[in-house]
Amino acid sequence: MQKNILILLGHTDTETYSGAMASAYKSGAEAAGHEVRRVNIGEMQFDPILHKGYKEIQELEPSLLSLQDDFRWADHIVIVYPNWWNTMPAILKGLFDRFWIPGFAFNFNKETKKIEQHLKNKTARVIVVAGSHSPFKTWWKYGDYTNEIQHGILEFAGIKTKVSPFGPCERVGNTCRSKWLQKVENLGKNGC
């Protein structure tokens, strides 16, 4: 079944292994006939800082409004980023701080005291690229380093999410990195 797929590269530099992963997914998805949009966070224009916290909602820049439209359009969202200090890059966290707001991704119903999830019936794949440590060793030593994006952000808004960690990409040869790219391309072909 053809899907509308949004790919968000959460690394500001497209010429990285994270960028190659996003390109591999896109290549596979397009080859299978999926409709694909790709957003590179480094090409977006927005202030990632919440200057007043959530006391006030800052006016959203055109890049953020466009990304909200892309999320509404997508059946499946793919987010690719490097694991820095056991979490996503600060700019990616700042992106979610700014555009993942009530009215778009969720609402708090004051009467029922429940969260209304606005992005149900969507799926996501989070691809995390580790540089110098294996994902398992990082998890074993520090705990679930994808909890924030999977459970605290995407699933909070109703998006069923799977995580695919890869690494350590700096400690393996080109053969292994090529196999990982092929695996990601196959995920793209399957739209999952």
Protein backbone atom coordinates (compact mmCIF):
# COMPACT_ATOMS: atom_id res chain seq x y z
CA MET A 1 0.00 0.00 0.00
CA GLN A 2 1.35 3.40 -0.98
CA LYS A 3 2.00 5.78 1.93
CA ASN A 4 2.76 9.44 2.39
CA ILE A 5 6.13 9.42 4.12
CA LEU A 6 7.85 12.32 5.83
CA ILE A 7 11.58 12.03 6.49
CA LEU A 8 13.05 14.48 9.02
CA LEU A 9 16.84 14.59 9.23
CA GLY A 10 17.63 15.82 12.74
CA HIS A 11 21.32 16.51 12.03
CA THR A 12 22.19 19.95 10.66
CA ASP A 13 24.82 18.47 8.32
CA THR A 14 23.40 16.42 5.46
CA GLU A 15 26.89 15.10 4.59
CA THR A 16 26.99 12.67 7.53
CA TYR A 17 26.12 9.03 8.06
CA SER A 18 22.78 10.21 9.46
CA GLY A 19 22.24 12.06 6.17
CA ALA A 20 23.17 8.90 4.25
CA MET A 21 20.61 6.94 6.30
CA ALA A 22 17.89 9.48 5.46
CA SER A 23 18.85 9.30 1.77
CA ALA A 24 18.80 5.48 1.80
CA TYR A 25 15.33 5.44 3.33
CA LYS A 26 14.10 7.98 0.78
CA SER A 27 15.59 6.01 -2.11
CA GLY A 28 13.88 2.80 -1.01
CA ALA A 29 10.54 4.48 -0.35
CA GLU A 30 10.47 6.26 -3.72
CA ALA A 31 11.50 3.07 -5.54
CA ALA A 32 8.48 1.33 -3.98
CA GLY A 33 6.10 4.07 -5.11
CA HIS A 34 5.58 5.87 -1.81
CA GLU A 35 5.08 9.65 -1.86
CA VAL A 36 8.02 11.15 0.05
CA ARG A 37 8.83 14.54 1.53
CA ARG A 38 12.20 15.17 3.17
CA VAL A 39 12.97 17.96 5.60
CA ASN A 40 16.56 18.71 6.64
CA ILE A 41 16.60 20.50 9.99
CA GLY A 42 19.73 22.42 8.95
CA GLU A 43 17.77 24.10 6.15
CA MET A 44 14.93 25.25 8.39
CA GLN A 45 14.73 28.79 9.77
CA PHE A 46 13.40 28.88 13.34
CA ASP A 47 14.37 29.84 16.87
CA PRO A 48 14.79 26.58 18.85
CA ILE A 49 14.59 28.39 22.21
CA LEU A 50 11.40 28.73 24.23
CA HIS A 51 12.13 32.18 25.62
CA LYS A 52 9.17 32.20 28.04
CA GLY A 53 8.81 28.45 28.45
CA TYR A 54 5.22 27.43 27.89
CA LYS A 55 3.77 30.52 29.61
CA GLU A 56 3.38 31.95 26.13
CA ILE A 57 3.25 30.23 22.76
CA GLN A 58 5.78 31.89 20.49
CA GLU A 59 4.56 32.70 17.02
CA LEU A 60 5.58 29.85 14.74
CA GLU A 61 7.95 30.63 11.90
CA PRO A 62 6.95 29.53 8.36
CA SER A 63 9.36 26.55 8.58
CA LEU A 64 7.53 25.25 11.66
CA LEU A 65 4.08 25.80 10.15
CA SER A 66 5.21 23.93 7.04
CA LEU A 67 6.54 21.06 9.17
CA GLN A 68 3.21 20.83 10.99
CA ASP A 69 1.51 20.53 7.59
CA ASP A 70 3.99 17.80 6.63
CA PHE A 71 3.19 15.86 9.82
CA ARG A 72 -0.55 16.15 9.13
CA TRP A 73 -0.01 14.96 5.53
CA ALA A 74 2.16 11.97 6.44
CA ASP A 75 0.93 8.47 7.14
CA HIS A 76 4.41 7.50 8.30
CA ILE A 77 7.15 9.69 9.78
CA VAL A 78 10.84 8.84 9.77
CA ILE A 79 13.18 10.76 12.05
CA VAL A 80 16.93 10.23 11.66
CA TYR A 81 19.47 11.68 14.06
CA PRO A 82 22.80 10.98 15.74
CA ASN A 83 22.96 9.94 19.40
CA TRP A 84 24.75 12.79 21.16
CA TRP A 85 25.18 12.48 24.93
CA ASN A 86 22.50 9.77 25.02
CA THR A 87 19.82 11.91 23.41
CA MET A 88 18.93 13.78 20.26
CA PRO A 89 20.83 16.90 19.13
CA ALA A 90 19.71 20.05 20.95
CA ILE A 91 18.32 21.63 17.78
CA LEU A 92 16.01 18.65 17.24
CA LYS A 93 14.77 18.88 20.84
CA GLY A 94 14.30 22.63 20.32
CA LEU A 95 12.30 21.90 17.17
CA PHE A 96 9.89 19.71 19.12
CA ASP A 97 9.75 22.26 21.97
CA ARG A 98 8.57 24.86 19.47
CA PHE A 99 6.17 23.09 17.09
CA TRP A 100 4.83 20.14 19.15
CA ILE A 101 2.19 22.26 20.83
CA PRO A 102 -1.41 22.00 22.03
CA GLY A 103 -3.87 22.27 19.18
CA PHE A 104 -1.46 20.61 16.76
CA ALA A 105 -0.15 17.40 18.32
CA PHE A 106 -2.43 17.12 21.36
CA ASN A 107 -4.77 18.93 23.72
CA PHE A 108 -5.40 18.63 27.43
CA ASN A 109 -9.14 18.21 27.96
CA LYS A 110 -9.91 20.20 31.10
CA GLU A 111 -13.26 18.51 31.62
CA THR A 112 -12.14 14.87 31.32
CA LYS A 113 -8.56 15.55 32.52
CA LYS A 114 -7.32 13.42 29.62
CA ILE A 115 -4.93 13.99 26.77
CA GLU A 116 -6.48 14.19 23.31
CA GLN A 117 -4.02 12.79 20.77
CA HIS A 118 -4.29 14.55 17.41
CA LEU A 119 -1.86 12.40 15.41
CA LYS A 120 -3.42 8.97 15.87
CA ASN A 121 -3.46 6.50 12.98
CA LYS A 122 0.10 7.46 12.04
CA THR A 123 3.26 5.44 12.46
CA ALA A 124 6.87 6.45 12.91
CA ARG A 125 10.34 5.00 12.63
CA VAL A 126 13.13 6.67 14.60
CA ILE A 127 16.60 5.86 13.28
CA VAL A 128 19.34 6.65 15.78
CA VAL A 129 22.96 6.61 14.64
CA ALA A 130 25.62 5.99 17.30
CA GLY A 131 29.18 7.02 16.59
CA SER A 132 31.59 5.36 18.98
CA HIS A 133 29.49 3.07 21.20
CA SER A 134 27.16 0.22 20.36
CA PRO A 135 23.48 0.98 20.98
CA PHE A 136 23.22 -2.02 23.32
CA LYS A 137 26.18 -0.95 25.46
CA THR A 138 24.80 2.57 25.67
CA TRP A 139 21.39 1.24 26.72
CA TRP A 140 22.97 -1.16 29.22
CA LYS A 141 25.05 1.56 30.85
CA TYR A 142 22.70 4.58 30.68
CA GLY A 143 19.21 3.24 30.10
CA ASP A 144 16.68 3.92 27.36
CA TYR A 145 18.13 6.84 25.42
CA THR A 146 15.15 6.90 23.01
CA ASN A 147 12.41 7.12 25.65
CA GLU A 148 12.09 10.89 25.20
CA ILE A 149 11.35 10.86 21.46
CA GLN A 150 9.44 7.57 21.32
CA HIS A 151 7.22 7.77 24.39
CA GLY A 152 7.46 11.37 25.56
CA ILE A 153 6.92 13.02 22.17
CA LEU A 154 5.63 10.83 19.32
CA GLU A 155 3.49 8.31 21.20
CA PHE A 156 2.23 11.09 23.48
CA ALA A 157 0.49 12.48 20.38
CA GLY A 158 -0.79 9.04 19.30
CA ILE A 159 1.91 8.02 16.78
CA LYS A 160 2.84 4.32 17.01
CA THR A 161 6.64 4.34 16.98
CA LYS A 162 9.47 1.89 16.38
CA VAL A 163 13.13 2.65 16.99
CA SER A 164 16.07 1.34 14.95
CA PRO A 165 19.47 2.06 16.50
CA PHE A 166 22.65 1.61 14.43
CA GLY A 167 26.23 1.79 15.57
CA PRO A 168 28.97 2.20 16.39
CA CYS A 169 29.38 3.56 12.87
CA GLU A 170 32.85 4.99 13.62
CA ARG A 171 34.20 1.59 14.68
CA VAL A 172 32.99 -0.60 11.82
CA GLY A 173 34.14 -0.92 8.23
CA ASN A 174 32.44 0.21 5.06
CA THR A 175 30.98 -3.26 4.50
CA CYS A 176 29.00 -3.07 7.74
CA ARG A 177 27.93 0.54 7.12
CA SER A 178 26.75 -0.48 3.63
CA LYS A 179 24.69 -3.34 5.10
CA TRP A 180 23.05 -0.90 7.52
CA LEU A 181 22.24 1.47 4.65
CA GLN A 182 20.68 -1.43 2.73
CA LYS A 183 18.61 -2.37 5.78
CA VAL A 184 17.32 1.22 6.01
CA GLU A 185 16.61 1.28 2.27
CA ASN A 186 14.53 -1.89 2.74
CA LEU A 187 12.61 -0.20 5.56
CA GLY A 188 11.86 2.58 3.08
CA LYS A 189 10.65 0.12 0.45
CA ASN A 190 8.30 -1.41 3.00
CA GLY A 191 7.17 1.99 4.28
CA CYS A 192 7.87 0.99 7.85
